[in-house]
Amino acid sequence: MDKEKECCCTRKKERSPEEYKSLIHRLNRIEGQIRGIRRMVEEDAYCNDILIQSSAVCAAMNAFNKELLSNHIKTCVAQDIRDGKDETIDELVATLQKLMK
């Protein structure tokens, strides 16, 4: 399969137990926040209250993305650069552009 057309789902990354635990903990909290927002909508909560909770979820997702990106740069990107895989820099730039939309 062409490297440029390779599906991201075919690549894997082994995470340390600490990294795994931290990311899963963040996702579990976000999942709970989403369930709380759904419950608020089902219970006809005031729009402003829902918006505040929705904003908190966005902030939590941003924190998750920052942690994951930091880990990615320190491990995957750094190792690929050491291995001479300069295309990883282009991939990182493209990812950052998507995150900044």
Protein backbone atom coordinates (compact mmCIF):
# COMPACT_ATOMS: atom_id res chain seq x y z
CA MET A 1 0.00 0.00 0.00
CA ASP A 2 1.27 3.48 -0.90
CA LYS A 3 2.72 5.23 2.18
CA GLU A 4 0.68 8.40 1.48
CA LYS A 5 -2.56 6.43 1.22
CA GLU A 6 -1.87 4.22 4.24
CA CYS A 7 -4.82 4.22 6.62
CA CYS A 8 -3.96 5.57 10.04
CA CYS A 9 -5.84 2.58 11.47
CA THR A 10 -3.06 0.24 10.33
CA ARG A 11 -0.43 1.94 12.48
CA LYS A 12 -0.13 1.21 16.18
CA LYS A 13 1.60 2.84 19.12
CA GLU A 14 2.48 1.03 22.31
CA ARG A 15 1.85 3.38 25.23
CA SER A 16 3.38 3.26 28.66
CA PRO A 17 1.00 2.21 31.43
CA GLU A 18 1.13 5.78 32.79
CA GLU A 19 0.28 7.36 29.43
CA TYR A 20 -2.52 4.85 28.83
CA LYS A 21 -4.00 5.40 32.30
CA SER A 22 -3.89 9.18 31.98
CA LEU A 23 -5.52 9.25 28.53
CA ILE A 24 -8.23 6.76 29.51
CA HIS A 25 -8.93 8.73 32.70
CA ARG A 26 -9.41 11.91 30.68
CA LEU A 27 -11.68 10.13 28.20
CA ASN A 28 -13.77 8.60 30.98
CA ARG A 29 -14.29 12.06 32.50
CA ILE A 30 -15.27 13.49 29.11
CA GLU A 31 -17.67 10.61 28.53
CA GLY A 32 -19.29 11.36 31.89
CA GLN A 33 -19.60 15.02 30.99
CA ILE A 34 -21.27 14.12 27.68
CA ARG A 35 -23.75 11.86 29.48
CA GLY A 36 -24.46 14.73 31.86
CA ILE A 37 -25.20 17.08 28.97
CA ARG A 38 -27.50 14.51 27.40
CA ARG A 39 -29.34 14.19 30.70
CA MET A 40 -29.64 17.97 30.91
CA VAL A 41 -31.23 18.08 27.43
CA GLU A 42 -33.58 15.21 28.31
CA GLU A 43 -34.60 17.05 31.48
CA ASP A 44 -35.17 20.35 29.64
CA ALA A 45 -32.36 22.20 31.41
CA TYR A 46 -31.87 25.87 30.70
CA CYS A 47 -29.88 26.50 27.48
CA ASN A 48 -27.19 28.58 29.18
CA ASP A 49 -26.50 25.81 31.70
CA ILE A 50 -26.09 23.29 28.88
CA LEU A 51 -23.81 25.64 26.95
CA ILE A 52 -21.57 26.06 29.99
CA GLN A 53 -21.27 22.28 30.33
CA SER A 54 -20.63 21.94 26.60
CA SER A 55 -17.84 24.48 26.88
CA ALA A 56 -16.32 22.43 29.70
CA VAL A 57 -16.32 19.36 27.42
CA CYS A 58 -14.54 21.35 24.71
CA ALA A 59 -11.90 22.42 27.23
CA ALA A 60 -11.50 18.82 28.40
CA MET A 61 -11.09 17.62 24.80
CA ASN A 62 -8.48 20.33 24.20
CA ALA A 63 -6.58 19.17 27.29
CA PHE A 64 -6.76 15.57 26.01
CA ASN A 65 -5.47 16.66 22.59
CA LYS A 66 -2.60 18.64 24.14
CA GLU A 67 -1.50 15.67 26.21
CA LEU A 68 -1.75 13.25 23.29
CA LEU A 69 0.06 15.64 20.94
CA SER A 70 2.83 16.20 23.47
CA ASN A 71 3.31 12.46 23.92
CA HIS A 72 3.23 11.97 20.14
CA ILE A 73 5.93 14.56 19.52
CA LYS A 74 8.15 13.26 22.34
CA THR A 75 7.91 9.64 21.22
CA CYS A 76 6.71 8.92 17.68
CA VAL A 77 7.87 12.10 15.95
CA ALA A 78 11.23 12.28 17.73
CA GLN A 79 11.99 8.63 16.95
CA ASP A 80 10.98 8.98 13.29
CA ILE A 81 13.23 12.04 12.92
CA ARG A 82 16.12 10.12 14.50
CA ASP A 83 15.38 7.32 12.04
CA GLY A 84 15.51 9.77 9.11
CA LYS A 85 11.78 9.62 8.36
CA ASP A 86 11.36 13.28 7.44
CA GLU A 87 7.83 12.68 6.10
CA THR A 88 6.74 12.58 9.74
CA ILE A 89 7.35 16.32 9.92
CA ASP A 90 4.89 16.87 7.06
CA GLU A 91 2.40 14.60 8.82
CA LEU A 92 2.80 16.58 12.05
CA VAL A 93 2.31 19.90 10.23
CA ALA A 94 -0.86 18.55 8.58
CA THR A 95 -2.16 17.33 11.94
CA LEU A 96 -1.48 20.70 13.58
CA GLN A 97 -3.31 22.46 10.76
CA LYS A 98 -6.34 20.23 11.30
CA LEU A 99 -6.26 20.85 15.06
CA MET A 100 -6.14 24.62 14.54
CA LYS A 101 -9.25 24.86 12.32
